[in-house]
N, C-alpha and C. Protein backbone atom coordinates (compact mmCIF):
# COMPACT_ATOMS: atom_id res chain seq x y z
N UNK A 1 107.81 -46.17 -73.04
CA UNK A 1 107.30 -47.40 -72.47
C UNK A 1 108.46 -48.10 -71.77
N UNK A 2 108.17 -48.69 -70.66
CA UNK A 2 109.20 -49.35 -69.86
C UNK A 2 109.36 -50.81 -70.24
N UNK A 3 109.17 -51.11 -71.50
CA UNK A 3 109.25 -52.48 -71.96
C UNK A 3 110.71 -52.85 -72.14
N UNK A 4 111.19 -53.76 -71.32
CA UNK A 4 112.58 -54.16 -71.38
C UNK A 4 112.63 -55.68 -71.42
N UNK A 5 113.40 -56.18 -72.33
CA UNK A 5 113.49 -57.63 -72.46
C UNK A 5 114.94 -58.04 -72.28
N UNK A 6 115.13 -59.02 -71.43
CA UNK A 6 116.46 -59.59 -71.29
C UNK A 6 116.64 -60.55 -72.45
N UNK A 7 117.61 -60.26 -73.26
CA UNK A 7 117.83 -61.10 -74.43
C UNK A 7 118.45 -62.43 -74.00
N UNK A 8 117.75 -63.49 -74.28
CA UNK A 8 118.30 -64.81 -74.03
C UNK A 8 118.59 -65.44 -75.37
N UNK A 9 119.63 -66.21 -75.40
CA UNK A 9 119.97 -66.90 -76.62
C UNK A 9 119.05 -68.10 -76.73
N UNK A 10 118.15 -68.05 -77.71
CA UNK A 10 117.12 -69.08 -77.81
C UNK A 10 117.72 -70.45 -78.12
N UNK A 11 118.77 -70.48 -78.92
CA UNK A 11 119.36 -71.79 -79.24
C UNK A 11 120.02 -72.40 -78.01
N UNK A 12 120.68 -71.57 -77.19
CA UNK A 12 121.28 -72.10 -75.97
C UNK A 12 120.23 -72.57 -74.98
N UNK A 13 119.15 -71.82 -74.87
CA UNK A 13 118.07 -72.22 -73.96
C UNK A 13 117.44 -73.53 -74.43
N UNK A 14 117.23 -73.65 -75.74
CA UNK A 14 116.66 -74.87 -76.30
C UNK A 14 117.61 -76.05 -76.06
N UNK A 15 118.91 -75.85 -76.29
CA UNK A 15 119.89 -76.92 -76.08
C UNK A 15 119.94 -77.35 -74.62
N UNK A 16 119.91 -76.38 -73.73
CA UNK A 16 119.98 -76.69 -72.30
C UNK A 16 118.75 -77.49 -71.85
N UNK A 17 117.58 -77.06 -72.30
CA UNK A 17 116.36 -77.77 -71.94
C UNK A 17 116.35 -79.18 -72.52
N UNK A 18 116.77 -79.32 -73.76
CA UNK A 18 116.84 -80.66 -74.37
C UNK A 18 117.87 -81.54 -73.67
N UNK A 19 119.00 -80.96 -73.28
CA UNK A 19 120.03 -81.73 -72.57
C UNK A 19 119.48 -82.26 -71.25
N UNK A 20 118.79 -81.41 -70.51
CA UNK A 20 118.24 -81.83 -69.22
C UNK A 20 117.19 -82.92 -69.41
N UNK A 21 116.31 -82.72 -70.39
CA UNK A 21 115.28 -83.74 -70.66
C UNK A 21 115.91 -85.06 -71.09
N UNK A 22 116.88 -85.00 -71.99
CA UNK A 22 117.52 -86.22 -72.47
C UNK A 22 118.29 -86.93 -71.35
N UNK A 23 118.92 -86.15 -70.48
CA UNK A 23 119.65 -86.75 -69.36
C UNK A 23 118.69 -87.47 -68.43
N UNK A 24 117.56 -86.87 -68.18
CA UNK A 24 116.55 -87.50 -67.31
C UNK A 24 116.06 -88.81 -67.93
N UNK A 25 115.75 -88.79 -69.22
CA UNK A 25 115.28 -90.01 -69.88
C UNK A 25 116.38 -91.07 -69.91
N UNK A 26 117.62 -90.63 -70.12
CA UNK A 26 118.74 -91.56 -70.15
C UNK A 26 118.92 -92.25 -68.80
N UNK A 27 118.82 -91.49 -67.72
CA UNK A 27 118.95 -92.08 -66.38
C UNK A 27 117.79 -93.03 -66.12
N UNK A 28 116.60 -92.64 -66.51
CA UNK A 28 115.44 -93.50 -66.29
C UNK A 28 115.57 -94.82 -67.06
N UNK A 29 116.14 -94.74 -68.26
CA UNK A 29 116.23 -95.93 -69.10
C UNK A 29 117.47 -96.78 -68.83
N UNK A 30 118.59 -96.16 -68.62
CA UNK A 30 119.86 -96.90 -68.58
C UNK A 30 120.37 -97.24 -67.19
N UNK A 31 119.92 -96.57 -66.18
CA UNK A 31 120.41 -96.83 -64.83
C UNK A 31 119.57 -97.94 -64.20
N UNK A 32 120.22 -99.02 -63.86
CA UNK A 32 119.51 -100.16 -63.27
C UNK A 32 119.12 -99.84 -61.84
N UNK A 33 118.06 -100.48 -61.38
CA UNK A 33 117.62 -100.28 -60.00
C UNK A 33 118.59 -100.95 -59.02
N UNK A 34 119.14 -102.08 -59.44
CA UNK A 34 120.06 -102.83 -58.58
C UNK A 34 121.26 -103.26 -59.41
N UNK A 35 122.44 -103.23 -58.78
CA UNK A 35 123.65 -103.78 -59.38
C UNK A 35 124.08 -104.97 -58.53
N UNK A 36 124.27 -106.09 -59.19
CA UNK A 36 124.65 -107.32 -58.48
C UNK A 36 126.15 -107.53 -58.69
N UNK A 37 126.92 -107.46 -57.59
CA UNK A 37 128.36 -107.67 -57.64
C UNK A 37 128.76 -109.01 -57.00
N UNK A 38 127.90 -109.96 -57.06
CA UNK A 38 128.19 -111.25 -56.46
C UNK A 38 127.77 -111.28 -55.01
N UNK A 39 128.69 -111.00 -54.11
CA UNK A 39 128.37 -110.99 -52.69
C UNK A 39 127.64 -109.72 -52.26
N UNK A 40 127.69 -108.72 -53.12
CA UNK A 40 127.12 -107.41 -52.77
C UNK A 40 126.08 -107.01 -53.81
N UNK A 41 124.93 -106.63 -53.35
CA UNK A 41 123.90 -106.07 -54.24
C UNK A 41 123.70 -104.62 -53.82
N UNK A 42 123.90 -103.72 -54.80
CA UNK A 42 123.79 -102.29 -54.52
C UNK A 42 122.46 -101.76 -55.05
N UNK A 43 121.75 -101.07 -54.20
CA UNK A 43 120.45 -100.49 -54.56
C UNK A 43 120.69 -99.07 -55.11
N UNK A 44 120.39 -98.87 -56.39
CA UNK A 44 120.57 -97.57 -57.04
C UNK A 44 119.30 -96.73 -57.03
N UNK A 45 118.23 -97.21 -56.47
CA UNK A 45 116.95 -96.52 -56.54
C UNK A 45 117.00 -95.12 -55.93
N UNK A 46 117.59 -94.92 -54.73
CA UNK A 46 117.64 -93.55 -54.19
C UNK A 46 118.46 -92.60 -55.07
N UNK A 47 119.57 -93.10 -55.59
CA UNK A 47 120.40 -92.26 -56.47
C UNK A 47 119.65 -91.91 -57.74
N UNK A 48 119.01 -92.91 -58.33
CA UNK A 48 118.25 -92.71 -59.57
C UNK A 48 117.12 -91.69 -59.33
N UNK A 49 116.43 -91.83 -58.22
CA UNK A 49 115.35 -90.91 -57.90
C UNK A 49 115.89 -89.49 -57.69
N UNK A 50 117.04 -89.39 -57.02
CA UNK A 50 117.65 -88.08 -56.78
C UNK A 50 118.00 -87.39 -58.10
N UNK A 51 118.63 -88.11 -59.02
CA UNK A 51 119.04 -87.52 -60.30
C UNK A 51 117.81 -87.12 -61.12
N UNK A 52 116.81 -87.98 -61.15
CA UNK A 52 115.60 -87.67 -61.92
C UNK A 52 114.88 -86.45 -61.32
N UNK A 53 114.76 -86.41 -60.01
CA UNK A 53 114.12 -85.26 -59.35
C UNK A 53 114.90 -83.97 -59.58
N UNK A 54 116.22 -84.08 -59.56
CA UNK A 54 117.06 -82.91 -59.81
C UNK A 54 116.87 -82.41 -61.25
N UNK A 55 116.83 -83.32 -62.20
CA UNK A 55 116.60 -82.93 -63.60
C UNK A 55 115.22 -82.29 -63.77
N UNK A 56 114.22 -82.85 -63.12
CA UNK A 56 112.88 -82.26 -63.18
C UNK A 56 112.86 -80.86 -62.57
N UNK A 57 113.58 -80.68 -61.47
CA UNK A 57 113.63 -79.37 -60.83
C UNK A 57 114.34 -78.34 -61.72
N UNK A 58 115.43 -78.76 -62.36
CA UNK A 58 116.13 -77.86 -63.28
C UNK A 58 115.26 -77.49 -64.47
N UNK A 59 114.59 -78.48 -65.01
CA UNK A 59 113.71 -78.24 -66.15
C UNK A 59 112.57 -77.29 -65.76
N UNK A 60 112.00 -77.51 -64.61
CA UNK A 60 110.91 -76.65 -64.14
C UNK A 60 111.40 -75.23 -63.88
N UNK A 61 112.63 -75.09 -63.39
CA UNK A 61 113.20 -73.76 -63.15
C UNK A 61 113.36 -72.99 -64.47
N UNK A 62 113.85 -73.66 -65.50
CA UNK A 62 113.97 -73.01 -66.81
C UNK A 62 112.60 -72.65 -67.38
N UNK A 63 111.64 -73.54 -67.23
CA UNK A 63 110.29 -73.26 -67.71
C UNK A 63 109.69 -72.07 -66.98
N UNK A 64 109.86 -72.04 -65.66
CA UNK A 64 109.32 -70.93 -64.88
C UNK A 64 109.97 -69.61 -65.25
N UNK A 65 111.28 -69.64 -65.52
CA UNK A 65 111.97 -68.42 -65.94
C UNK A 65 111.36 -67.89 -67.23
N UNK A 66 111.17 -68.77 -68.21
CA UNK A 66 110.60 -68.34 -69.49
C UNK A 66 109.16 -67.87 -69.32
N UNK A 67 108.38 -68.61 -68.53
CA UNK A 67 106.98 -68.20 -68.29
C UNK A 67 106.92 -66.84 -67.61
N UNK A 68 107.70 -66.65 -66.57
CA UNK A 68 107.66 -65.39 -65.82
C UNK A 68 108.11 -64.21 -66.66
N UNK A 69 109.13 -64.41 -67.47
CA UNK A 69 109.59 -63.33 -68.34
C UNK A 69 108.48 -62.95 -69.34
N UNK A 70 107.86 -63.97 -69.92
CA UNK A 70 106.77 -63.73 -70.87
C UNK A 70 105.61 -63.02 -70.18
N UNK A 71 105.23 -63.47 -69.00
CA UNK A 71 104.10 -62.86 -68.28
C UNK A 71 104.40 -61.42 -67.87
N UNK A 72 105.66 -61.15 -67.49
CA UNK A 72 106.04 -59.77 -67.14
C UNK A 72 105.92 -58.86 -68.36
N UNK A 73 106.40 -59.33 -69.50
CA UNK A 73 106.30 -58.53 -70.72
C UNK A 73 104.85 -58.34 -71.13
N UNK A 74 104.05 -59.39 -70.96
CA UNK A 74 102.63 -59.28 -71.30
C UNK A 74 101.93 -58.30 -70.35
N UNK A 75 102.31 -58.29 -69.08
CA UNK A 75 101.72 -57.37 -68.11
C UNK A 75 102.08 -55.93 -68.46
N UNK A 76 103.32 -55.69 -68.87
CA UNK A 76 103.73 -54.33 -69.23
C UNK A 76 102.93 -53.82 -70.43
N UNK A 77 102.79 -54.66 -71.45
CA UNK A 77 102.03 -54.26 -72.64
C UNK A 77 100.56 -54.04 -72.28
N UNK A 78 100.01 -54.90 -71.45
CA UNK A 78 98.61 -54.75 -71.03
C UNK A 78 98.41 -53.45 -70.27
N UNK A 79 99.35 -53.09 -69.41
CA UNK A 79 99.24 -51.82 -68.68
C UNK A 79 99.29 -50.63 -69.62
N UNK A 80 100.14 -50.70 -70.63
CA UNK A 80 100.20 -49.62 -71.62
C UNK A 80 98.88 -49.49 -72.38
N UNK A 81 98.31 -50.62 -72.74
CA UNK A 81 97.03 -50.60 -73.45
C UNK A 81 95.93 -50.03 -72.57
N UNK A 82 95.92 -50.44 -71.31
CA UNK A 82 94.90 -49.94 -70.39
C UNK A 82 95.04 -48.43 -70.18
N UNK A 83 96.27 -47.94 -70.10
CA UNK A 83 96.47 -46.50 -69.98
C UNK A 83 95.98 -45.77 -71.22
N UNK A 84 96.26 -46.36 -72.37
CA UNK A 84 95.83 -45.79 -73.64
C UNK A 84 94.30 -45.78 -73.72
N UNK A 85 93.70 -46.91 -73.41
CA UNK A 85 92.24 -47.02 -73.47
C UNK A 85 91.58 -46.14 -72.41
N UNK A 86 92.23 -46.02 -71.24
CA UNK A 86 91.70 -45.15 -70.20
C UNK A 86 91.63 -43.71 -70.65
N UNK A 87 92.63 -43.31 -71.41
CA UNK A 87 92.62 -41.93 -71.95
C UNK A 87 91.48 -41.76 -72.94
N UNK A 88 91.21 -42.78 -73.74
CA UNK A 88 90.10 -42.69 -74.69
C UNK A 88 88.74 -42.70 -74.00
N UNK A 89 88.64 -43.38 -72.87
CA UNK A 89 87.36 -43.52 -72.17
C UNK A 89 87.11 -42.43 -71.14
N UNK A 90 87.94 -41.40 -71.12
CA UNK A 90 87.75 -40.33 -70.15
C UNK A 90 86.39 -39.67 -70.32
N UNK A 91 85.79 -39.30 -69.21
CA UNK A 91 84.52 -38.57 -69.26
C UNK A 91 84.80 -37.12 -69.63
N UNK A 92 83.97 -36.62 -70.50
CA UNK A 92 84.12 -35.23 -70.91
C UNK A 92 82.92 -34.44 -70.37
N UNK A 93 83.23 -33.29 -69.80
CA UNK A 93 82.16 -32.49 -69.21
C UNK A 93 82.01 -31.13 -69.87
N UNK A 94 83.01 -30.74 -70.66
CA UNK A 94 82.92 -29.44 -71.32
C UNK A 94 83.42 -29.57 -72.76
N UNK A 95 83.19 -28.53 -73.50
CA UNK A 95 83.64 -28.53 -74.90
C UNK A 95 85.15 -28.55 -74.99
N UNK A 96 85.83 -27.97 -73.99
CA UNK A 96 87.29 -27.99 -73.98
C UNK A 96 87.81 -29.42 -73.82
N UNK A 97 87.13 -30.20 -72.99
CA UNK A 97 87.53 -31.60 -72.82
C UNK A 97 87.33 -32.38 -74.12
N UNK A 98 86.23 -32.09 -74.81
CA UNK A 98 85.96 -32.77 -76.09
C UNK A 98 87.04 -32.41 -77.10
N UNK A 99 87.39 -31.15 -77.19
CA UNK A 99 88.41 -30.71 -78.15
C UNK A 99 89.76 -31.33 -77.80
N UNK A 100 90.10 -31.37 -76.51
CA UNK A 100 91.38 -31.97 -76.10
C UNK A 100 91.43 -33.46 -76.44
N UNK A 101 90.33 -34.16 -76.21
CA UNK A 101 90.30 -35.58 -76.51
C UNK A 101 90.32 -35.84 -78.02
N UNK A 102 89.64 -35.00 -78.79
CA UNK A 102 89.68 -35.14 -80.25
C UNK A 102 91.07 -34.87 -80.80
N UNK A 103 91.77 -33.89 -80.23
CA UNK A 103 93.15 -33.63 -80.68
C UNK A 103 94.07 -34.79 -80.29
N UNK A 104 93.81 -35.41 -79.14
CA UNK A 104 94.59 -36.59 -78.74
C UNK A 104 94.36 -37.72 -79.73
N UNK A 105 93.11 -37.91 -80.15
CA UNK A 105 92.80 -38.95 -81.13
C UNK A 105 93.48 -38.65 -82.47
N UNK A 106 93.53 -37.38 -82.85
CA UNK A 106 94.21 -37.02 -84.10
C UNK A 106 95.71 -37.31 -84.02
N UNK A 107 96.31 -37.12 -82.86
CA UNK A 107 97.73 -37.42 -82.74
C UNK A 107 98.00 -38.92 -82.84
N UNK A 108 96.99 -39.72 -82.53
CA UNK A 108 97.17 -41.17 -82.62
C UNK A 108 97.32 -41.65 -84.06
N UNK A 109 96.85 -40.85 -85.00
CA UNK A 109 96.88 -41.26 -86.41
C UNK A 109 98.24 -41.02 -87.07
N UNK A 110 99.14 -40.33 -86.38
CA UNK A 110 100.48 -40.10 -86.94
C UNK A 110 101.31 -41.38 -86.88
N UNK A 111 102.38 -41.43 -87.65
CA UNK A 111 103.23 -42.63 -87.71
C UNK A 111 104.05 -42.82 -86.44
N UNK A 112 104.45 -41.74 -85.80
CA UNK A 112 105.32 -41.85 -84.61
C UNK A 112 104.50 -41.88 -83.32
N UNK A 113 103.49 -42.72 -83.31
CA UNK A 113 102.58 -42.70 -82.17
C UNK A 113 102.73 -43.94 -81.30
N UNK A 114 102.02 -43.95 -80.22
CA UNK A 114 102.06 -45.02 -79.23
C UNK A 114 101.43 -46.31 -79.76
N UNK A 115 100.46 -46.19 -80.65
CA UNK A 115 99.78 -47.37 -81.19
C UNK A 115 100.77 -48.25 -81.94
N UNK A 116 101.57 -47.65 -82.78
CA UNK A 116 102.57 -48.41 -83.54
C UNK A 116 103.61 -49.04 -82.62
N UNK A 117 104.00 -48.31 -81.60
CA UNK A 117 104.98 -48.81 -80.64
C UNK A 117 104.43 -50.03 -79.89
N UNK A 118 103.19 -49.93 -79.45
CA UNK A 118 102.58 -51.06 -78.74
C UNK A 118 102.41 -52.24 -79.69
N UNK A 119 102.04 -51.99 -80.94
CA UNK A 119 101.90 -53.08 -81.91
C UNK A 119 103.23 -53.79 -82.14
N UNK A 120 104.32 -53.04 -82.16
CA UNK A 120 105.65 -53.65 -82.31
C UNK A 120 105.99 -54.52 -81.11
N UNK A 121 105.66 -54.05 -79.92
CA UNK A 121 105.91 -54.85 -78.72
C UNK A 121 105.06 -56.12 -78.70
N UNK A 122 103.85 -56.01 -79.22
CA UNK A 122 103.00 -57.20 -79.30
C UNK A 122 103.59 -58.21 -80.28
N UNK A 123 104.20 -57.72 -81.37
CA UNK A 123 104.87 -58.63 -82.32
C UNK A 123 106.05 -59.33 -81.66
N UNK A 124 106.83 -58.59 -80.84
CA UNK A 124 107.93 -59.21 -80.11
C UNK A 124 107.42 -60.25 -79.12
N UNK A 125 106.31 -59.95 -78.48
CA UNK A 125 105.69 -60.88 -77.55
C UNK A 125 105.22 -62.14 -78.28
N UNK A 126 104.72 -61.97 -79.49
CA UNK A 126 104.27 -63.13 -80.29
C UNK A 126 105.44 -64.03 -80.65
N UNK A 127 106.58 -63.43 -80.98
CA UNK A 127 107.77 -64.25 -81.29
C UNK A 127 108.22 -65.04 -80.07
N UNK A 128 108.18 -64.39 -78.91
CA UNK A 128 108.56 -65.08 -77.68
C UNK A 128 107.57 -66.20 -77.36
N UNK A 129 106.29 -65.96 -77.60
CA UNK A 129 105.28 -67.00 -77.36
C UNK A 129 105.49 -68.18 -78.30
N UNK A 130 105.85 -67.92 -79.55
CA UNK A 130 106.13 -69.01 -80.49
C UNK A 130 107.34 -69.83 -80.04
N UNK A 131 108.35 -69.14 -79.53
CA UNK A 131 109.54 -69.85 -79.03
C UNK A 131 109.18 -70.72 -77.84
N UNK A 132 108.42 -70.17 -76.91
CA UNK A 132 108.02 -70.93 -75.72
C UNK A 132 107.16 -72.12 -76.12
N UNK A 133 106.29 -71.92 -77.07
CA UNK A 133 105.43 -73.02 -77.53
C UNK A 133 106.26 -74.10 -78.22
N UNK A 134 107.31 -73.69 -78.93
CA UNK A 134 108.16 -74.67 -79.61
C UNK A 134 108.92 -75.55 -78.61
N UNK A 135 109.11 -75.04 -77.39
CA UNK A 135 109.75 -75.82 -76.33
C UNK A 135 108.76 -76.70 -75.57
N UNK A 136 107.50 -76.65 -76.00
CA UNK A 136 106.43 -77.43 -75.36
C UNK A 136 106.22 -77.03 -73.90
N UNK A 137 106.27 -75.74 -73.67
CA UNK A 137 105.99 -75.19 -72.35
C UNK A 137 104.57 -74.64 -72.40
N UNK A 138 103.75 -75.09 -71.49
CA UNK A 138 102.33 -74.74 -71.51
C UNK A 138 102.01 -73.64 -70.50
N UNK A 139 100.98 -72.89 -70.83
CA UNK A 139 100.45 -71.85 -69.95
C UNK A 139 99.04 -72.24 -69.55
N UNK A 140 98.56 -71.70 -68.43
CA UNK A 140 97.16 -71.93 -68.07
C UNK A 140 96.23 -71.32 -69.14
N UNK A 141 95.03 -71.83 -69.19
CA UNK A 141 94.07 -71.41 -70.22
C UNK A 141 93.74 -69.92 -70.13
N UNK A 142 93.58 -69.39 -68.93
CA UNK A 142 93.23 -67.98 -68.79
C UNK A 142 94.36 -67.07 -69.28
N UNK A 143 95.59 -67.50 -69.09
CA UNK A 143 96.73 -66.73 -69.60
C UNK A 143 96.73 -66.71 -71.11
N UNK A 144 96.44 -67.84 -71.73
CA UNK A 144 96.40 -67.89 -73.19
C UNK A 144 95.25 -67.05 -73.74
N UNK A 145 94.14 -67.03 -73.05
CA UNK A 145 93.02 -66.20 -73.50
C UNK A 145 93.40 -64.72 -73.44
N UNK A 146 94.04 -64.32 -72.34
CA UNK A 146 94.51 -62.93 -72.24
C UNK A 146 95.52 -62.61 -73.33
N UNK A 147 96.40 -63.57 -73.62
CA UNK A 147 97.41 -63.36 -74.67
C UNK A 147 96.74 -63.18 -76.03
N UNK A 148 95.75 -64.00 -76.35
CA UNK A 148 95.10 -63.88 -77.66
C UNK A 148 94.29 -62.60 -77.75
N UNK A 149 93.71 -62.14 -76.65
CA UNK A 149 93.04 -60.83 -76.66
C UNK A 149 94.07 -59.72 -76.90
N UNK A 150 95.22 -59.87 -76.31
CA UNK A 150 96.30 -58.90 -76.51
C UNK A 150 96.77 -58.90 -77.96
N UNK A 151 96.89 -60.08 -78.54
CA UNK A 151 97.30 -60.18 -79.95
C UNK A 151 96.31 -59.51 -80.87
N UNK A 152 95.03 -59.52 -80.50
CA UNK A 152 93.99 -58.94 -81.34
C UNK A 152 93.90 -57.42 -81.18
N UNK A 153 94.61 -56.87 -80.22
CA UNK A 153 94.49 -55.45 -79.91
C UNK A 153 94.78 -54.52 -81.08
N UNK A 154 95.84 -54.71 -81.88
CA UNK A 154 96.07 -53.76 -82.98
C UNK A 154 94.90 -53.67 -83.97
N UNK A 155 94.15 -54.76 -84.11
CA UNK A 155 93.00 -54.73 -85.02
C UNK A 155 91.80 -54.02 -84.40
N UNK A 156 91.65 -54.12 -83.10
CA UNK A 156 90.47 -53.55 -82.45
C UNK A 156 90.64 -52.08 -82.08
N UNK A 157 91.87 -51.59 -82.09
CA UNK A 157 92.08 -50.20 -81.68
C UNK A 157 91.40 -49.23 -82.63
N UNK A 158 91.40 -49.54 -83.92
CA UNK A 158 90.72 -48.66 -84.87
C UNK A 158 89.23 -48.55 -84.57
N UNK A 159 88.63 -49.66 -84.20
CA UNK A 159 87.22 -49.66 -83.84
C UNK A 159 86.98 -48.79 -82.61
N UNK A 160 87.84 -48.92 -81.59
CA UNK A 160 87.71 -48.09 -80.39
C UNK A 160 87.79 -46.61 -80.74
N UNK A 161 88.78 -46.27 -81.55
CA UNK A 161 88.99 -44.87 -81.90
C UNK A 161 87.80 -44.32 -82.68
N UNK A 162 87.30 -45.08 -83.65
CA UNK A 162 86.15 -44.62 -84.45
C UNK A 162 84.91 -44.46 -83.58
N UNK A 163 84.66 -45.40 -82.69
CA UNK A 163 83.49 -45.30 -81.82
C UNK A 163 83.59 -44.10 -80.90
N UNK A 164 84.76 -43.90 -80.33
CA UNK A 164 84.93 -42.77 -79.40
C UNK A 164 84.84 -41.43 -80.13
N UNK A 165 85.40 -41.37 -81.33
CA UNK A 165 85.33 -40.14 -82.11
C UNK A 165 83.87 -39.81 -82.43
N UNK A 166 83.12 -40.82 -82.81
CA UNK A 166 81.71 -40.62 -83.12
C UNK A 166 80.94 -40.16 -81.88
N UNK A 167 81.23 -40.75 -80.74
CA UNK A 167 80.58 -40.34 -79.49
C UNK A 167 80.89 -38.88 -79.18
N UNK A 168 82.14 -38.49 -79.38
CA UNK A 168 82.54 -37.11 -79.07
C UNK A 168 81.92 -36.13 -80.04
N UNK A 169 81.82 -36.50 -81.29
CA UNK A 169 81.22 -35.60 -82.28
C UNK A 169 79.73 -35.45 -82.06
N UNK A 170 79.10 -36.49 -81.54
CA UNK A 170 77.65 -36.39 -81.27
C UNK A 170 77.44 -35.46 -80.08
């Protein structure tokens, strides 16, 4: 499987995101709109807006990086599952095809199989999703639905295998 994850230090990422958020709030709270120097009044509004917008852009860039990495990993796992399920859903036209597919299903029951590998990758994906959620980074609803279907996959694979085996034996 071509599942590759760039290891990011979660504590550093969390610290960086918190620093940027805190800096933005600090500027919003502590930087006055105007400074009165007697004969001179200085307008800080453009500077304040620039710093706040820059902090928002940096925060959004970090969020997008984490989202995109998660979505790429989720796409890789989904493609592996679809390839696996595609093999199970192959049309059989002869007894040789049935025997080949039944032997493929038997190999799935061994410990060193693709099912266990995909389940491990789904567990890694779940840890990454928990980390992203702890940073209060949100995903669109359809992405979360796909993620929860993906999380349920190790439980449903046995049902797929049993149904397909029964179909082939009939």
